[in-house]
Amino acid sequence: MNIVGMTRSFLFTQKGKKKWMDNNIMMYVFIGLFWIAGILSWVGWVSILPVLAMTIETIGLWMKNPTKIRFNMLGLRPLWLSYNIIYRSYAGMTADLFVLISLLAGIIRFDIIPAIRRKRNSNT
């Protein structure tokens, strides 16, 4: 699943640069690959957590609006955190917490504070 994720991340950087990457089918190809990987590596109900997380992340990375991307990434954090807690992956939990803090900082800096400023300026 990590190899598919790395490939997806690289190819998604080509969106807007390479015409063949602008087709929505690419998003669905990667979602399908994550589900295939999840089925092949199935060890029980907990296996659905990374599959769902990678599916949501793929949809988020396909989006163009940075605010929507940040909130999408925030929404999938509980899936990864739960998975890492279940498997006692302390490195994974630590990474999740750093990503969570980073996302919250980005949401505050780029979404909440500008919205407050716009509201304040529209009231004057």
PDB file of N, CA and C in Angstrom:
ATOM      1  N   MET A   1       0.816  -1.179   0.000  1.00  0.00           N
ATOM      2  CA  MET A   1       0.000   0.000   0.000  1.00  0.00           C
ATOM      3  C   MET A   1       0.874   1.262   0.000  1.00  0.00           C
ATOM      4  N   ASN A   2       2.012   1.194   0.678  1.00  0.00           N
ATOM      5  CA  ASN A   2       2.917   2.347   0.689  1.00  0.00           C
ATOM      6  C   ASN A   2       3.491   2.634  -0.702  1.00  0.00           C
ATOM      7  N   ILE A   3       3.795   1.583  -1.442  1.00  0.00           N
ATOM      8  CA  ILE A   3       4.333   1.770  -2.800  1.00  0.00           C
ATOM      9  C   ILE A   3       3.272   2.418  -3.691  1.00  0.00           C
ATOM     10  N   VAL A   4       2.034   1.969  -3.558  1.00  0.00           N
ATOM     11  CA  VAL A   4       0.942   2.573  -4.327  1.00  0.00           C
ATOM     12  C   VAL A   4       0.775   4.035  -3.905  1.00  0.00           C
ATOM     13  N   GLY A   5       0.867   4.302  -2.606  1.00  0.00           N
ATOM     14  CA  GLY A   5       0.734   5.668  -2.093  1.00  0.00           C
ATOM     15  C   GLY A   5       1.841   6.587  -2.594  1.00  0.00           C
ATOM     16  N   MET A   6       3.067   6.086  -2.625  1.00  0.00           N
ATOM     17  CA  MET A   6       4.180   6.896  -3.131  1.00  0.00           C
ATOM     18  C   MET A   6       4.002   7.180  -4.615  1.00  0.00           C
ATOM     19  N   THR A   7       3.600   6.166  -5.357  1.00  0.00           N
ATOM     20  CA  THR A   7       3.371   6.339  -6.798  1.00  0.00           C
ATOM     21  C   THR A   7       2.249   7.347  -7.031  1.00  0.00           C
ATOM     22  N   ARG A   8       1.172   7.199  -6.276  1.00  0.00           N
ATOM     23  CA  ARG A   8       0.046   8.134  -6.379  1.00  0.00           C
ATOM     24  C   ARG A   8       0.495   9.565  -6.101  1.00  0.00           C
ATOM     25  N   SER A   9       1.226   9.749  -5.026  1.00  0.00           N
ATOM     26  CA  SER A   9       1.662  11.100  -4.656  1.00  0.00           C
ATOM     27  C   SER A   9       2.533  11.716  -5.743  1.00  0.00           C
ATOM     28  N   PHE A  10       3.441  10.932  -6.294  1.00  0.00           N
ATOM     29  CA  PHE A  10       4.289  11.461  -7.371  1.00  0.00           C
ATOM     30  C   PHE A  10       3.456  11.811  -8.604  1.00  0.00           C
ATOM     31  N   LEU A  11       2.606  10.879  -9.030  1.00  0.00           N
ATOM     32  CA  LEU A  11       1.822  11.124 -10.241  1.00  0.00           C
ATOM     33  C   LEU A  11       0.837  12.277 -10.064  1.00  0.00           C
ATOM     34  N   PHE A  12       0.292  12.432  -8.857  1.00  0.00           N
ATOM     35  CA  PHE A  12      -0.642  13.534  -8.626  1.00  0.00           C
ATOM     36  C   PHE A  12       0.056  14.890  -8.726  1.00  0.00           C
ATOM     37  N   THR A  13       1.373  14.929  -8.530  1.00  0.00           N
ATOM     38  CA  THR A  13       2.101  16.202  -8.715  1.00  0.00           C
ATOM     39  C   THR A  13       2.156  16.582 -10.185  1.00  0.00           C
ATOM     40  N   GLN A  14       1.888  15.622 -11.061  1.00  0.00           N
ATOM     41  CA  GLN A  14       1.904  15.874 -12.502  1.00  0.00           C
ATOM     42  C   GLN A  14       0.559  16.386 -13.012  1.00  0.00           C
ATOM     43  N   LYS A  15      -0.444  16.396 -12.135  1.00  0.00           N
ATOM     44  CA  LYS A  15      -1.765  16.882 -12.518  1.00  0.00           C
ATOM     45  C   LYS A  15      -1.648  18.359 -12.898  1.00  0.00           C
ATOM     46  N   GLY A  16      -2.195  18.720 -14.029  1.00  0.00           N
ATOM     47  CA  GLY A  16      -2.084  20.083 -14.528  1.00  0.00           C
ATOM     48  C   GLY A  16      -0.864  20.296 -15.398  1.00  0.00           C
ATOM     49  N   LYS A  17       0.110  19.391 -15.289  1.00  0.00           N
ATOM     50  CA  LYS A  17       1.326  19.466 -16.113  1.00  0.00           C
ATOM     51  C   LYS A  17       1.256  18.478 -17.271  1.00  0.00           C
ATOM     52  N   LYS A  18       0.732  17.306 -16.994  1.00  0.00           N
ATOM     53  CA  LYS A  18       0.599  16.245 -17.997  1.00  0.00           C
ATOM     54  C   LYS A  18      -0.883  16.021 -18.268  1.00  0.00           C
ATOM     55  N   LYS A  19      -1.260  16.112 -19.513  1.00  0.00           N
ATOM     56  CA  LYS A  19      -2.676  16.008 -19.881  1.00  0.00           C
ATOM     57  C   LYS A  19      -3.296  14.684 -19.429  1.00  0.00           C
ATOM     58  N   TRP A  20      -2.547  13.592 -19.522  1.00  0.00           N
ATOM     59  CA  TRP A  20      -3.086  12.284 -19.168  1.00  0.00           C
ATOM     60  C   TRP A  20      -3.377  12.172 -17.667  1.00  0.00           C
ATOM     61  N   MET A  21      -2.819  13.081 -16.857  1.00  0.00           N
ATOM     62  CA  MET A  21      -3.085  13.048 -15.414  1.00  0.00           C
ATOM     63  C   MET A  21      -4.296  13.886 -15.022  1.00  0.00           C
ATOM     64  N   ASP A  22      -4.876  14.595 -15.960  1.00  0.00           N
ATOM     65  CA  ASP A  22      -6.020  15.445 -15.638  1.00  0.00           C
ATOM     66  C   ASP A  22      -7.350  14.711 -15.704  1.00  0.00           C
ATOM     67  N   ASN A  23      -7.316  13.448 -16.059  1.00  0.00           N
ATOM     68  CA  ASN A  23      -8.530  12.646 -16.165  1.00  0.00           C
ATOM     69  C   ASN A  23      -8.872  12.050 -14.794  1.00  0.00           C
ATOM     70  N   ASN A  24     -10.116  12.199 -14.365  1.00  0.00           N
ATOM     71  CA  ASN A  24     -10.541  11.667 -13.061  1.00  0.00           C
ATOM     72  C   ASN A  24     -10.335  10.170 -12.929  1.00  0.00           C
ATOM     73  N   ILE A  25     -10.196   9.484 -14.033  1.00  0.00           N
ATOM     74  CA  ILE A  25     -10.008   8.030 -13.985  1.00  0.00           C
ATOM     75  C   ILE A  25      -8.769   7.670 -13.167  1.00  0.00           C
ATOM     76  N   MET A  26      -7.756   8.540 -13.171  1.00  0.00           N
ATOM     77  CA  MET A  26      -6.524   8.259 -12.408  1.00  0.00           C
ATOM     78  C   MET A  26      -6.820   8.159 -10.914  1.00  0.00           C
ATOM     79  N   MET A  27      -7.701   9.018 -10.424  1.00  0.00           N
ATOM     80  CA  MET A  27      -8.070   8.953  -9.009  1.00  0.00           C
ATOM     81  C   MET A  27      -8.715   7.597  -8.704  1.00  0.00           C
ATOM     82  N   TYR A  28      -9.620   7.164  -9.583  1.00  0.00           N
ATOM     83  CA  TYR A  28     -10.311   5.901  -9.363  1.00  0.00           C
ATOM     84  C   TYR A  28      -9.382   4.693  -9.507  1.00  0.00           C
ATOM     85  N   VAL A  29      -8.387   4.802 -10.376  1.00  0.00           N
ATOM     86  CA  VAL A  29      -7.398   3.732 -10.520  1.00  0.00           C
ATOM     87  C   VAL A  29      -6.677   3.523  -9.197  1.00  0.00           C
ATOM     88  N   PHE A  30      -6.245   4.626  -8.586  1.00  0.00           N
ATOM     89  CA  PHE A  30      -5.509   4.493  -7.326  1.00  0.00           C
ATOM     90  C   PHE A  30      -6.412   4.025  -6.189  1.00  0.00           C
ATOM     91  N   ILE A  31      -7.646   4.485  -6.158  1.00  0.00           N
ATOM     92  CA  ILE A  31      -8.578   3.984  -5.141  1.00  0.00           C
ATOM     93  C   ILE A  31      -8.754   2.481  -5.309  1.00  0.00           C
ATOM     94  N   GLY A  32      -8.919   2.032  -6.547  1.00  0.00           N
ATOM     95  CA  GLY A  32      -9.037   0.596  -6.812  1.00  0.00           C
ATOM     96  C   GLY A  32      -7.801  -0.173  -6.370  1.00  0.00           C
ATOM     97  N   LEU A  33      -6.628   0.374  -6.630  1.00  0.00           N
ATOM     98  CA  LEU A  33      -5.379  -0.285  -6.218  1.00  0.00           C
ATOM     99  C   LEU A  33      -5.288  -0.399  -4.697  1.00  0.00           C
ATOM    100  N   PHE A  34      -5.732   0.627  -3.985  1.00  0.00           N
ATOM    101  CA  PHE A  34      -5.714   0.558  -2.519  1.00  0.00           C
ATOM    102  C   PHE A  34      -6.668  -0.521  -2.014  1.00  0.00           C
ATOM    103  N   TRP A  35      -7.839  -0.646  -2.636  1.00  0.00           N
ATOM    104  CA  TRP A  35      -8.785  -1.677  -2.218  1.00  0.00           C
ATOM    105  C   TRP A  35      -8.262  -3.072  -2.547  1.00  0.00           C
ATOM    106  N   ILE A  36      -7.614  -3.223  -3.681  1.00  0.00           N
ATOM    107  CA  ILE A  36      -7.008  -4.517  -4.024  1.00  0.00           C
ATOM    108  C   ILE A  36      -5.921  -4.862  -3.016  1.00  0.00           C
ATOM    109  N   ALA A  37      -5.064  -3.892  -2.699  1.00  0.00           N
ATOM    110  CA  ALA A  37      -4.004  -4.126  -1.709  1.00  0.00           C
ATOM    111  C   ALA A  37      -4.608  -4.476  -0.351  1.00  0.00           C
ATOM    112  N   GLY A  38      -5.703  -3.814   0.012  1.00  0.00           N
ATOM    113  CA  GLY A  38      -6.358  -4.104   1.287  1.00  0.00           C
ATOM    114  C   GLY A  38      -6.928  -5.509   1.333  1.00  0.00           C
ATOM    115  N   ILE A  39      -7.509  -5.941   0.236  1.00  0.00           N
ATOM    116  CA  ILE A  39      -8.063  -7.303   0.168  1.00  0.00           C
ATOM    117  C   ILE A  39      -6.941  -8.337   0.243  1.00  0.00           C
ATOM    118  N   LEU A  40      -5.848  -8.072  -0.483  1.00  0.00           N
ATOM    119  CA  LEU A  40      -4.723  -9.025  -0.497  1.00  0.00           C
ATOM    120  C   LEU A  40      -4.005  -9.109   0.851  1.00  0.00           C
ATOM    121  N   SER A  41      -4.055  -8.037   1.627  1.00  0.00           N
ATOM    122  CA  SER A  41      -3.348  -8.035   2.918  1.00  0.00           C
ATOM    123  C   SER A  41      -4.318  -8.131   4.098  1.00  0.00           C
ATOM    124  N   TRP A  42      -5.544  -8.541   3.853  1.00  0.00           N
ATOM    125  CA  TRP A  42      -6.585  -8.595   4.865  1.00  0.00           C
ATOM    126  C   TRP A  42      -6.207  -9.497   6.038  1.00  0.00           C
ATOM    127  N   VAL A  43      -6.316  -8.963   7.264  1.00  0.00           N
ATOM    128  CA  VAL A  43      -6.076  -9.758   8.470  1.00  0.00           C
ATOM    129  C   VAL A  43      -7.225  -9.607   9.467  1.00  0.00           C
ATOM    130  N   GLY A  44      -8.307  -9.018   9.036  1.00  0.00           N
ATOM    131  CA  GLY A  44      -9.454  -8.803   9.914  1.00  0.00           C
ATOM    132  C   GLY A  44     -10.008  -7.403   9.722  1.00  0.00           C
ATOM    133  N   TRP A  45     -11.025  -7.074  10.509  1.00  0.00           N
ATOM    134  CA  TRP A  45     -11.733  -5.809  10.353  1.00  0.00           C
ATOM    135  C   TRP A  45     -10.816  -4.598  10.430  1.00  0.00           C
ATOM    136  N   VAL A  46      -9.730  -4.697  11.173  1.00  0.00           N
ATOM    137  CA  VAL A  46      -8.826  -3.553  11.321  1.00  0.00           C
ATOM    138  C   VAL A  46      -8.155  -3.196   9.991  1.00  0.00           C
ATOM    139  N   SER A  47      -8.121  -4.140   9.058  1.00  0.00           N
ATOM    140  CA  SER A  47      -7.518  -3.889   7.745  1.00  0.00           C
ATOM    141  C   SER A  47      -8.275  -2.840   6.939  1.00  0.00           C
ATOM    142  N   ILE A  48      -9.514  -2.606   7.296  1.00  0.00           N
ATOM    143  CA  ILE A  48     -10.310  -1.624   6.560  1.00  0.00           C
ATOM    144  C   ILE A  48      -9.848  -0.192   6.875  1.00  0.00           C
ATOM    145  N   LEU A  49      -9.244   0.019   8.037  1.00  0.00           N
ATOM    146  CA  LEU A  49      -8.837   1.371   8.433  1.00  0.00           C
ATOM    147  C   LEU A  49      -7.851   2.012   7.451  1.00  0.00           C
ATOM    148  N   PRO A  50      -6.739   1.343   7.113  1.00  0.00           N
ATOM    149  CA  PRO A  50      -5.823   1.978   6.158  1.00  0.00           C
ATOM    150  C   PRO A  50      -6.418   2.094   4.755  1.00  0.00           C
ATOM    151  N   VAL A  51      -7.279   1.145   4.377  1.00  0.00           N
ATOM    152  CA  VAL A  51      -7.907   1.215   3.051  1.00  0.00           C
ATOM    153  C   VAL A  51      -8.807   2.450   2.974  1.00  0.00           C
ATOM    154  N   LEU A  52      -9.614   2.650   4.000  1.00  0.00           N
ATOM    155  CA  LEU A  52     -10.475   3.834   4.031  1.00  0.00           C
ATOM    156  C   LEU A  52      -9.653   5.118   4.074  1.00  0.00           C
ATOM    157  N   ALA A  53      -8.598   5.105   4.891  1.00  0.00           N
ATOM    158  CA  ALA A  53      -7.744   6.297   5.004  1.00  0.00           C
ATOM    159  C   ALA A  53      -7.103   6.638   3.664  1.00  0.00           C
ATOM    160  N   MET A  54      -6.581   5.640   2.975  1.00  0.00           N
ATOM    161  CA  MET A  54      -5.934   5.891   1.683  1.00  0.00           C
ATOM    162  C   MET A  54      -6.953   6.308   0.630  1.00  0.00           C
ATOM    163  N   THR A  55      -8.168   5.786   0.717  1.00  0.00           N
ATOM    164  CA  THR A  55      -9.225   6.185  -0.213  1.00  0.00           C
ATOM    165  C   THR A  55      -9.577   7.660   0.000  1.00  0.00           C
ATOM    166  N   ILE A  56      -9.803   8.039   1.248  1.00  0.00           N
ATOM    167  CA  ILE A  56     -10.140   9.430   1.561  1.00  0.00           C
ATOM    168  C   ILE A  56      -8.979  10.355   1.200  1.00  0.00           C
ATOM    169  N   GLU A  57      -7.763   9.920   1.486  1.00  0.00           N
ATOM    170  CA  GLU A  57      -6.584  10.725   1.163  1.00  0.00           C
ATOM    171  C   GLU A  57      -6.452  10.916  -0.347  1.00  0.00           C
ATOM    172  N   THR A  58      -6.721   9.879  -1.117  1.00  0.00           N
ATOM    173  CA  THR A  58      -6.641   9.972  -2.576  1.00  0.00           C
ATOM    174  C   THR A  58      -7.644  10.998  -3.099  1.00  0.00           C
ATOM    175  N   ILE A  59      -8.848  10.952  -2.579  1.00  0.00           N
ATOM    176  CA  ILE A  59      -9.865  11.933  -2.973  1.00  0.00           C
ATOM    177  C   ILE A  59      -9.401  13.335  -2.596  1.00  0.00           C
ATOM    178  N   GLY A  60      -8.858  13.470  -1.397  1.00  0.00           N
ATOM    179  CA  GLY A  60      -8.379  14.774  -0.944  1.00  0.00           C
ATOM    180  C   GLY A  60      -7.244  15.312  -1.783  1.00  0.00           C
ATOM    181  N   LEU A  61      -6.293  14.460  -2.109  1.00  0.00           N
ATOM    182  CA  LEU A  61      -5.153  14.913  -2.910  1.00  0.00           C
ATOM    183  C   LEU A  61      -5.554  15.249  -4.344  1.00  0.00           C
ATOM    184  N   TRP A  62      -6.682  14.728  -4.784  1.00  0.00           N
ATOM    185  CA  TRP A  62      -7.157  15.030  -6.134  1.00  0.00           C
ATOM    186  C   TRP A  62      -7.827  16.404  -6.194  1.00  0.00           C
ATOM    187  N   MET A  63      -8.272  16.891  -5.048  1.00  0.00           N
ATOM    188  CA  MET A  63      -8.962  18.180  -4.986  1.00  0.00           C
ATOM    189  C   MET A  63      -8.014  19.321  -5.343  1.00  0.00           C
ATOM    190  N   LYS A  64      -8.601  20.450  -5.719  1.00  0.00           N
ATOM    191  CA  LYS A  64      -7.805  21.628  -6.071  1.00  0.00           C
ATOM    192  C   LYS A  64      -7.820  22.690  -4.970  1.00  0.00           C
ATOM    193  N   ASN A  65      -8.848  22.702  -4.152  1.00  0.00           N
ATOM    194  CA  ASN A  65      -9.018  23.721  -3.125  1.00  0.00           C
ATOM    195  C   ASN A  65      -8.216  23.352  -1.875  1.00  0.00           C
ATOM    196  N   PRO A  66      -7.199  24.159  -1.511  1.00  0.00           N
ATOM    197  CA  PRO A  66      -6.361  23.826  -0.350  1.00  0.00           C
ATOM    198  C   PRO A  66      -7.141  23.685   0.958  1.00  0.00           C
ATOM    199  N   THR A  67      -8.175  24.494   1.144  1.00  0.00           N
ATOM    200  CA  THR A  67      -8.976  24.390   2.367  1.00  0.00           C
ATOM    201  C   THR A  67      -9.670  23.034   2.430  1.00  0.00           C
ATOM    202  N   LYS A  68     -10.260  22.617   1.333  1.00  0.00           N
ATOM    203  CA  LYS A  68     -10.921  21.306   1.293  1.00  0.00           C
ATOM    204  C   LYS A  68      -9.916  20.182   1.503  1.00  0.00           C
ATOM    205  N   ILE A  69      -8.729  20.341   0.948  1.00  0.00           N
ATOM    206  CA  ILE A  69      -7.683  19.322   1.123  1.00  0.00           C
ATOM    207  C   ILE A  69      -7.311  19.205   2.599  1.00  0.00           C
ATOM    208  N   ARG A  70      -7.095  20.350   3.264  1.00  0.00           N
ATOM    209  CA  ARG A  70      -6.715  20.317   4.686  1.00  0.00           C
ATOM    210  C   ARG A  70      -7.793  19.638   5.531  1.00  0.00           C
ATOM    211  N   PHE A  71      -9.053  19.994   5.317  1.00  0.00           N
ATOM    212  CA  PHE A  71     -10.127  19.387   6.114  1.00  0.00           C
ATOM    213  C   PHE A  71     -10.295  17.903   5.782  1.00  0.00           C
ATOM    214  N   ASN A  72     -10.077  17.535   4.531  1.00  0.00           N
ATOM    215  CA  ASN A  72     -10.124  16.125   4.143  1.00  0.00           C
ATOM    216  C   ASN A  72      -9.044  15.346   4.893  1.00  0.00           C
ATOM    217  N   MET A  73      -7.838  15.876   4.893  1.00  0.00           N
ATOM    218  CA  MET A  73      -6.721  15.199   5.564  1.00  0.00           C
ATOM    219  C   MET A  73      -6.950  15.115   7.073  1.00  0.00           C
ATOM    220  N   LEU A  74      -7.579  16.134   7.619  1.00  0.00           N
ATOM    221  CA  LEU A  74      -7.899  16.127   9.041  1.00  0.00           C
ATOM    222  C   LEU A  74      -8.903  15.015   9.350  1.00  0.00           C
ATOM    223  N   GLY A  75      -9.875  14.830   8.468  1.00  0.00           N
ATOM    224  CA  GLY A  75     -10.909  13.827   8.681  1.00  0.00           C
ATOM    225  C   GLY A  75     -10.418  12.397   8.676  1.00  0.00           C
ATOM    226  N   LEU A  76      -9.320  12.136   7.973  1.00  0.00           N
ATOM    227  CA  LEU A  76      -8.830  10.755   7.921  1.00  0.00           C
ATOM    228  C   LEU A  76      -7.832  10.429   9.025  1.00  0.00           C
ATOM    229  N   ARG A  77      -7.374  11.420   9.766  1.00  0.00           N
ATOM    230  CA  ARG A  77      -6.399  11.174  10.838  1.00  0.00           C
ATOM    231  C   ARG A  77      -6.883  10.155  11.862  1.00  0.00           C
ATOM    232  N   PRO A  78      -8.154  10.195  12.297  1.00  0.00           N
ATOM    233  CA  PRO A  78      -8.589   9.191  13.282  1.00  0.00           C
ATOM    234  C   PRO A  78      -8.451   7.749  12.785  1.00  0.00           C
ATOM    235  N   LEU A  79      -8.587   7.544  11.482  1.00  0.00           N
ATOM    236  CA  LEU A  79      -8.426   6.190  10.942  1.00  0.00           C
ATOM    237  C   LEU A  79      -7.000   5.701  11.132  1.00  0.00           C
ATOM    238  N   TRP A  80      -6.036   6.540  10.751  1.00  0.00           N
ATOM    239  CA  TRP A  80      -4.632   6.151  10.912  1.00  0.00           C
ATOM    240  C   TRP A  80      -4.240   6.052  12.381  1.00  0.00           C
ATOM    241  N   LEU A  81      -4.704   7.000  13.185  1.00  0.00           N
ATOM    242  CA  LEU A  81      -4.359   6.965  14.599  1.00  0.00           C
ATOM    243  C   LEU A  81      -4.915   5.699  15.251  1.00  0.00           C
ATOM    244  N   SER A  82      -6.148   5.348  14.940  1.00  0.00           N
ATOM    245  CA  SER A  82      -6.745   4.118  15.490  1.00  0.00           C
ATOM    246  C   SER A  82      -5.951   2.886  15.063  1.00  0.00           C
ATOM    247  N   TYR A  83      -5.613   2.832  13.793  1.00  0.00           N
ATOM    248  CA  TYR A  83      -4.837   1.706  13.270  1.00  0.00           C
ATOM    249  C   TYR A  83      -3.497   1.577  14.003  1.00  0.00           C
ATOM    250  N   ASN A  84      -2.813   2.704  14.166  1.00  0.00           N
ATOM    251  CA  ASN A  84      -1.509   2.681  14.827  1.00  0.00           C
ATOM    252  C   ASN A  84      -1.614   2.367  16.314  1.00  0.00           C
ATOM    253  N   ILE A  85      -2.696   2.784  16.955  1.00  0.00           N
ATOM    254  CA  ILE A  85      -2.910   2.437  18.365  1.00  0.00           C
ATOM    255  C   ILE A  85      -3.165   0.940  18.491  1.00  0.00           C
ATOM    256  N   ILE A  86      -4.014   0.392  17.624  1.00  0.00           N
ATOM    257  CA  ILE A  86      -4.330  -1.045  17.668  1.00  0.00           C
ATOM    258  C   ILE A  86      -3.067  -1.885  17.505  1.00  0.00           C
ATOM    259  N   TYR A  87      -2.185  -1.472  16.592  1.00  0.00           N
ATOM    260  CA  TYR A  87      -0.958  -2.233  16.348  1.00  0.00           C
ATOM    261  C   TYR A  87       0.226  -1.747  17.173  1.00  0.00           C
ATOM    262  N   ARG A  88      -0.032  -0.838  18.097  1.00  0.00           N
ATOM    263  CA  ARG A  88       1.003  -0.287  18.986  1.00  0.00           C
ATOM    264  C   ARG A  88       2.216   0.220  18.212  1.00  0.00           C
ATOM    265  N   SER A  89       1.918   0.927  17.122  1.00  0.00           N
ATOM    266  CA  SER A  89       2.980   1.526  16.318  1.00  0.00           C
ATOM    267  C   SER A  89       3.256   2.926  16.865  1.00  0.00           C
ATOM    268  N   TYR A  90       4.233   3.009  17.756  1.00  0.00           N
ATOM    269  CA  TYR A  90       4.538   4.288  18.387  1.00  0.00           C
ATOM    270  C   TYR A  90       5.079   5.293  17.382  1.00  0.00           C
ATOM    271  N   ALA A  91       5.842   4.813  16.424  1.00  0.00           N
ATOM    272  CA  ALA A  91       6.338   5.710  15.370  1.00  0.00           C
ATOM    273  C   ALA A  91       5.166   6.238  14.544  1.00  0.00           C
ATOM    274  N   GLY A  92       4.223   5.375  14.228  1.00  0.00           N
ATOM    275  CA  GLY A  92       3.037   5.792  13.478  1.00  0.00           C
ATOM    276  C   GLY A  92       2.191   6.776  14.266  1.00  0.00           C
ATOM    277  N   MET A  93       2.010   6.509  15.557  1.00  0.00           N
ATOM    278  CA  MET A  93       1.241   7.423  16.402  1.00  0.00           C
ATOM    279  C   MET A  93       1.917   8.788  16.480  1.00  0.00           C
ATOM    280  N   THR A  94       3.229   8.775  16.612  1.00  0.00           N
ATOM    281  CA  THR A  94       3.980  10.031  16.672  1.00  0.00           C
ATOM    282  C   THR A  94       3.834  10.796  15.363  1.00  0.00           C
ATOM    283  N   ALA A  95       3.962  10.101  14.255  1.00  0.00           N
ATOM    284  CA  ALA A  95       3.804  10.746  12.948  1.00  0.00           C
ATOM    285  C   ALA A  95       2.393  11.310  12.805  1.00  0.00           C
ATOM    286  N   ASP A  96       1.384  10.545  13.240  1.00  0.00           N
ATOM    287  CA  ASP A  96      -0.001  11.022  13.171  1.00  0.00           C
ATOM    288  C   ASP A  96      -0.191  12.290  13.986  1.00  0.00           C
ATOM    289  N   LEU A  97       0.407  12.333  15.159  1.00  0.00           N
ATOM    290  CA  LEU A  97       0.270  13.526  15.991  1.00  0.00           C
ATOM    291  C   LEU A  97       0.943  14.735  15.340  1.00  0.00           C
ATOM    292  N   PHE A  98       2.114  14.536  14.730  1.00  0.00           N
ATOM    293  CA  PHE A  98       2.774  15.639  14.022  1.00  0.00           C
ATOM    294  C   PHE A  98       1.930  16.119  12.842  1.00  0.00           C
ATOM    295  N   VAL A  99       1.372  15.177  12.095  1.00  0.00           N
ATOM    296  CA  VAL A  99       0.523  15.542  10.957  1.00  0.00           C
ATOM    297  C   VAL A  99      -0.722  16.270  11.455  1.00  0.00           C
ATOM    298  N   LEU A 100      -1.327  15.776  12.538  1.00  0.00           N
ATOM    299  CA  LEU A 100      -2.512  16.401  13.104  1.00  0.00           C
ATOM    300  C   LEU A 100      -2.209  17.835  13.546  1.00  0.00           C
ATOM    301  N   ILE A 101      -1.110  18.026  14.256  1.00  0.00           N
ATOM    302  CA  ILE A 101      -0.723  19.367  14.703  1.00  0.00           C
ATOM    303  C   ILE A 101      -0.465  20.276  13.504  1.00  0.00           C
ATOM    304  N   SER A 102       0.202  19.755  12.498  1.00  0.00           N
ATOM    305  CA  SER A 102       0.483  20.527  11.291  1.00  0.00           C
ATOM    306  C   SER A 102      -0.808  20.927  10.575  1.00  0.00           C
ATOM    307  N   LEU A 103      -1.727  19.986  10.453  1.00  0.00           N
ATOM    308  CA  LEU A 103      -3.009  20.285   9.814  1.00  0.00           C
ATOM    309  C   LEU A 103      -3.795  21.337  10.592  1.00  0.00           C
ATOM    310  N   LEU A 104      -3.838  21.183  11.905  1.00  0.00           N
ATOM    311  CA  LEU A 104      -4.545  22.166  12.725  1.00  0.00           C
ATOM    312  C   LEU A 104      -3.908  23.544  12.610  1.00  0.00           C
ATOM    313  N   ALA A 105      -2.579  23.596  12.594  1.00  0.00           N
ATOM    314  CA  ALA A 105      -1.886  24.878  12.424  1.00  0.00           C
ATOM    315  C   ALA A 105      -2.221  25.488  11.070  1.00  0.00           C
ATOM    316  N   GLY A 106      -2.238  24.672  10.022  1.00  0.00           N
ATOM    317  CA  GLY A 106      -2.583  25.159   8.694  1.00  0.00           C
ATOM    318  C   GLY A 106      -4.015  25.654   8.613  1.00  0.00           C
ATOM    319  N   ILE A 107      -4.935  24.925   9.228  1.00  0.00           N
ATOM    320  CA  ILE A 107      -6.343  25.327   9.225  1.00  0.00           C
ATOM    321  C   ILE A 107      -6.513  26.649   9.971  1.00  0.00           C
ATOM    322  N   ILE A 108      -5.862  26.781  11.111  1.00  0.00           N
ATOM    323  CA  ILE A 108      -5.944  28.038  11.866  1.00  0.00           C
ATOM    324  C   ILE A 108      -5.331  29.179  11.059  1.00  0.00           C
ATOM    325  N   ARG A 109      -4.138  28.950  10.520  1.00  0.00           N
ATOM    326  CA  ARG A 109      -3.410  30.008   9.815  1.00  0.00           C
ATOM    327  C   ARG A 109      -4.059  30.412   8.489  1.00  0.00           C
ATOM    328  N   PHE A 110      -4.461  29.440   7.701  1.00  0.00           N
ATOM    329  CA  PHE A 110      -4.929  29.731   6.341  1.00  0.00           C
ATOM    330  C   PHE A 110      -6.444  29.781   6.180  1.00  0.00           C
ATOM    331  N   ASP A 111      -7.181  29.255   7.140  1.00  0.00           N
ATOM    332  CA  ASP A 111      -8.632  29.192   6.994  1.00  0.00           C
ATOM    333  C   ASP A 111      -9.366  30.016   8.057  1.00  0.00           C
ATOM    334  N   ILE A 112      -9.048  29.785   9.320  1.00  0.00           N
ATOM    335  CA  ILE A 112      -9.797  30.432  10.394  1.00  0.00           C
ATOM    336  C   ILE A 112      -9.418  31.906  10.543  1.00  0.00           C
ATOM    337  N   ILE A 113      -8.126  32.199  10.668  1.00  0.00           N
ATOM    338  CA  ILE A 113      -7.701  33.597  10.855  1.00  0.00           C
ATOM    339  C   ILE A 113      -8.120  34.479   9.682  1.00  0.00           C
ATOM    340  N   PRO A 114      -7.900  34.059   8.420  1.00  0.00           N
ATOM    341  CA  PRO A 114      -8.382  34.908   7.314  1.00  0.00           C
ATOM    342  C   PRO A 114      -9.902  35.099   7.319  1.00  0.00           C
ATOM    343  N   ALA A 115     -10.659  34.078   7.715  1.00  0.00           N
ATOM    344  CA  ALA A 115     -12.118  34.207   7.777  1.00  0.00           C
ATOM    345  C   ALA A 115     -12.513  35.229   8.841  1.00  0.00           C
ATOM    346  N   ILE A 116     -11.827  35.206   9.963  1.00  0.00           N
ATOM    347  CA  ILE A 116     -12.096  36.186  11.032  1.00  0.00           C
ATOM    348  C   ILE A 116     -11.767  37.586  10.536  1.00  0.00           C
ATOM    349  N   ARG A 117     -10.631  37.737   9.857  1.00  0.00           N
ATOM    350  CA  ARG A 117     -10.245  39.054   9.323  1.00  0.00           C
ATOM    351  C   ARG A 117     -11.249  39.556   8.290  1.00  0.00           C
ATOM    352  N   ARG A 118     -11.704  38.663   7.402  1.00  0.00           N
ATOM    353  CA  ARG A 118     -12.697  39.071   6.397  1.00  0.00           C
ATOM    354  C   ARG A 118     -13.987  39.526   7.056  1.00  0.00           C
ATOM    355  N   LYS A 119     -14.406  38.782   8.069  1.00  0.00           N
ATOM    356  CA  LYS A 119     -15.638  39.138   8.776  1.00  0.00           C
ATOM    357  C   LYS A 119     -15.481  40.473   9.483  1.00  0.00           C
ATOM    358  N   ARG A 120     -14.340  40.659  10.120  1.00  0.00           N
ATOM    359  CA  ARG A 120     -14.064  41.906  10.830  1.00  0.00           C
ATOM    360  C   ARG A 120     -14.043  43.072   9.844  1.00  0.00           C
ATOM    361  N   ASN A 121     -13.417  42.902   8.676  1.00  0.00           N
ATOM    362  CA  ASN A 121     -13.337  43.971   7.671  1.00  0.00           C
ATOM    363  C   ASN A 121     -14.693  44.264   7.038  1.00  0.00           C
ATOM    364  N   SER A 122     -15.549  43.270   6.915  1.00  0.00           N
ATOM    365  CA  SER A 122     -16.859  43.490   6.309  1.00  0.00           C
ATOM    366  C   SER A 122     -17.810  44.203   7.276  1.00  0.00           C
ATOM    367  N   ASN A 123     -17.507  44.138   8.560  1.00  0.00           N
ATOM    368  CA  ASN A 123     -18.337  44.807   9.564  1.00  0.00           C
ATOM    369  C   ASN A 123     -17.956  46.270   9.745  1.00  0.00           C
ATOM    370  N   THR A 124     -16.843  46.692   9.198  1.00  0.00           N
ATOM    371  CA  THR A 124     -16.419  48.088   9.414  1.00  0.00           C
ATOM    372  C   THR A 124     -16.921  48.993   8.330  1.00  0.00           C
TER     373      THR A 124
END
